[in-house]
């Protein structure tokens, strides 16, 4: 059975990875290498497509492949999606998860809640998420990642 501690651990690793990607933005080669390793370590791209819907995208909302996910996180000249600005290279100084609900099973777990990203000025952005984790060779991997900004009634006319 997957445990809450395993979920908290992978979420902490994810947050630390996003922060590290941003810290490497001035060394493009190292940033690209680490971001690629980050995706290999935490996402289940090796088994096929991942259901990945990142927060800050509107033209190409769904990113099922590793090159598309990499584009979202670090953008760059070789980005797969033109609209990408490099979410992880903002950079962020802190990422914290607040799980609203966990569904834990033998080989799969779901987590839903809010996560908060702190920028260099100390401002915090609140984002809603749902992640699905699958046990692959004894290790949790993300195979569904959905993020969105909270509903803003003033943005809808």
Protein backbone atom coordinates (compact mmCIF):
# COMPACT_ATOMS: atom_id res chain seq x y z
CA UNK A 1 0.00 0.00 0.00
CA UNK A 2 1.32 3.44 -0.95
CA UNK A 3 1.62 5.63 2.14
CA UNK A 4 1.00 9.29 2.87
CA UNK A 5 4.70 9.63 3.69
CA UNK A 6 5.63 8.44 0.19
CA UNK A 7 3.31 11.05 -1.33
CA UNK A 8 4.74 13.83 0.85
CA UNK A 9 8.26 12.70 -0.08
CA UNK A 10 7.66 12.80 -3.85
CA UNK A 11 5.91 16.17 -3.50
CA UNK A 12 8.90 17.55 -1.59
CA UNK A 13 11.25 16.17 -4.25
CA UNK A 14 9.12 17.76 -6.97
CA UNK A 15 9.17 21.16 -5.23
CA UNK A 16 12.92 20.99 -4.58
CA UNK A 17 13.46 20.03 -8.22
CA UNK A 18 11.48 23.01 -9.51
CA UNK A 19 13.51 25.31 -7.25
CA UNK A 20 16.80 23.78 -8.41
CA UNK A 21 15.84 24.14 -12.10
CA UNK A 22 15.33 27.86 -11.50
CA UNK A 23 18.63 28.16 -9.66
CA UNK A 24 20.40 26.75 -12.73
CA UNK A 25 18.79 29.05 -15.31
CA UNK A 26 22.02 31.00 -15.96
CA UNK A 27 23.88 27.78 -16.88
CA UNK A 28 21.69 26.54 -19.72
CA UNK A 29 23.43 23.18 -20.26
CA UNK A 30 23.30 22.27 -16.58
CA UNK A 31 19.69 23.49 -16.37
CA UNK A 32 18.65 21.36 -19.35
CA UNK A 33 20.45 18.29 -18.00
CA UNK A 34 18.94 18.64 -14.54
CA UNK A 35 15.43 19.32 -15.88
CA UNK A 36 15.64 16.23 -18.11
CA UNK A 37 16.79 14.15 -15.13
CA UNK A 38 13.99 15.67 -13.00
CA UNK A 39 11.38 14.53 -15.55
CA UNK A 40 12.96 11.06 -15.80
CA UNK A 41 13.06 10.71 -12.02
CA UNK A 42 9.56 11.92 -11.18
CA UNK A 43 7.37 11.38 -14.26
CA UNK A 44 6.44 8.11 -15.96
CA UNK A 45 7.41 9.08 -19.51
CA UNK A 46 9.41 5.85 -19.91
CA UNK A 47 6.13 3.91 -19.99
CA UNK A 48 4.52 6.16 -22.60
CA UNK A 49 2.43 9.29 -22.50
CA UNK A 50 1.75 11.23 -19.30
CA UNK A 51 -1.48 13.18 -18.82
CA UNK A 52 0.15 16.56 -18.16
CA UNK A 53 -1.86 19.78 -18.11
CA UNK A 54 0.39 22.56 -16.80
CA UNK A 55 -0.82 25.80 -15.26
CA UNK A 56 0.45 28.49 -17.62
CA UNK A 57 -0.54 27.36 -21.07
CA UNK A 58 -3.49 28.17 -23.26
CA UNK A 59 -2.61 27.28 -26.85
CA UNK A 60 -1.19 23.82 -26.26
CA UNK A 61 -2.89 22.93 -23.00
CA UNK A 62 -1.94 19.27 -22.82
CA UNK A 63 1.66 18.03 -22.83
CA UNK A 64 1.78 14.21 -22.97
CA UNK A 65 5.43 13.85 -24.04
CA UNK A 66 8.71 14.52 -22.27
CA UNK A 67 9.87 17.15 -24.83
CA UNK A 68 6.60 19.07 -24.31
CA UNK A 69 6.95 18.87 -20.52
CA UNK A 70 10.58 19.97 -20.73
CA UNK A 71 9.51 22.89 -22.91
CA UNK A 72 7.00 23.97 -20.28
CA UNK A 73 9.49 23.83 -17.43
CA UNK A 74 12.51 25.48 -19.11
CA UNK A 75 11.41 26.85 -22.55
CA UNK A 76 14.53 27.85 -24.54
CA UNK A 77 15.37 28.00 -28.22
CA UNK A 78 14.48 24.34 -28.79
CA UNK A 79 11.17 24.49 -26.93
CA UNK A 80 8.43 22.22 -28.23
CA UNK A 81 5.67 24.76 -27.61
CA UNK A 82 6.09 28.38 -28.71
CA UNK A 83 4.01 29.84 -25.87
CA UNK A 84 6.32 28.47 -23.16
CA UNK A 85 8.23 30.94 -21.00
CA UNK A 86 9.87 28.40 -18.67
CA UNK A 87 7.71 27.98 -15.59
CA UNK A 88 10.51 26.54 -13.45
CA UNK A 89 13.11 29.12 -14.44
CA UNK A 90 10.97 32.00 -13.07
CA UNK A 91 12.70 31.22 -10.53
CA UNK A 92 10.91 30.08 -7.38
CA UNK A 93 12.42 30.09 -3.89
CA UNK A 94 9.88 27.84 -2.18
CA UNK A 95 7.19 25.34 -3.17
CA UNK A 96 4.78 23.92 -0.64
CA UNK A 97 1.95 21.46 -1.05
CA UNK A 98 -1.30 21.42 0.91
CA UNK A 99 -3.07 18.16 0.21
CA UNK A 100 -6.83 18.40 0.39
CA UNK A 101 -7.39 14.72 -0.28
CA UNK A 102 -5.29 11.61 -0.85
CA UNK A 103 -6.55 8.34 -2.29
CA UNK A 104 -4.03 5.63 -1.49
CA UNK A 105 -4.08 2.21 -3.13
CA UNK A 106 -1.68 -0.68 -3.59
CA UNK A 107 0.02 0.55 -6.78
CA UNK A 108 -1.59 3.94 -7.41
CA UNK A 109 -2.31 7.10 -5.44
CA UNK A 110 -4.09 10.37 -6.16
CA UNK A 111 -3.41 13.70 -4.50
CA UNK A 112 -5.47 16.86 -4.85
CA UNK A 113 -5.04 20.23 -3.24
CA UNK A 114 -3.22 23.52 -3.57
CA UNK A 115 0.43 24.19 -4.00
CA UNK A 116 2.08 27.51 -3.44
CA UNK A 117 5.05 28.98 -5.30
CA UNK A 118 7.10 31.76 -3.72
CA UNK A 119 9.00 34.08 -6.06
CA UNK A 120 12.16 36.11 -5.42
CA UNK A 121 10.10 39.00 -3.99
CA UNK A 122 8.39 36.74 -1.45
CA UNK A 123 5.05 36.81 -3.29
CA UNK A 124 3.18 33.54 -3.23
CA UNK A 125 1.12 32.15 -6.12
CA UNK A 126 -1.62 29.66 -5.27
CA UNK A 127 -2.26 26.89 -7.80
CA UNK A 128 -4.71 23.98 -7.68
CA UNK A 129 -3.40 20.53 -8.57
CA UNK A 130 -4.31 16.91 -9.05
CA UNK A 131 -1.48 14.40 -9.39
CA UNK A 132 -1.74 10.67 -9.96
CA UNK A 133 1.18 8.51 -8.89
CA UNK A 134 1.87 5.00 -10.08
CA UNK A 135 4.26 2.53 -8.48
CA UNK A 136 6.81 1.63 -11.17
CA UNK A 137 9.61 -0.79 -10.20
CA UNK A 138 9.11 0.11 -6.54
CA UNK A 139 9.21 3.88 -7.12
CA UNK A 140 6.39 6.42 -7.36
CA UNK A 141 6.09 8.16 -10.72
CA UNK A 142 3.69 10.88 -11.83
CA UNK A 143 1.45 9.80 -14.70
CA UNK A 144 -1.17 12.54 -14.36
CA UNK A 145 -0.40 16.17 -13.51
CA UNK A 146 -3.15 18.77 -13.73
CA UNK A 147 -2.57 22.33 -12.51
CA UNK A 148 -4.74 25.41 -12.77
CA UNK A 149 -5.21 28.76 -11.15
CA UNK A 150 -8.15 29.04 -8.76
CA UNK A 151 -11.45 30.17 -10.22
CA UNK A 152 -11.71 33.93 -10.59
CA UNK A 153 -15.34 35.01 -11.09
CA UNK A 154 -14.22 38.44 -12.33
CA UNK A 155 -12.27 36.84 -15.19
CA UNK A 156 -15.42 35.25 -16.64
CA UNK A 157 -17.82 37.57 -18.44
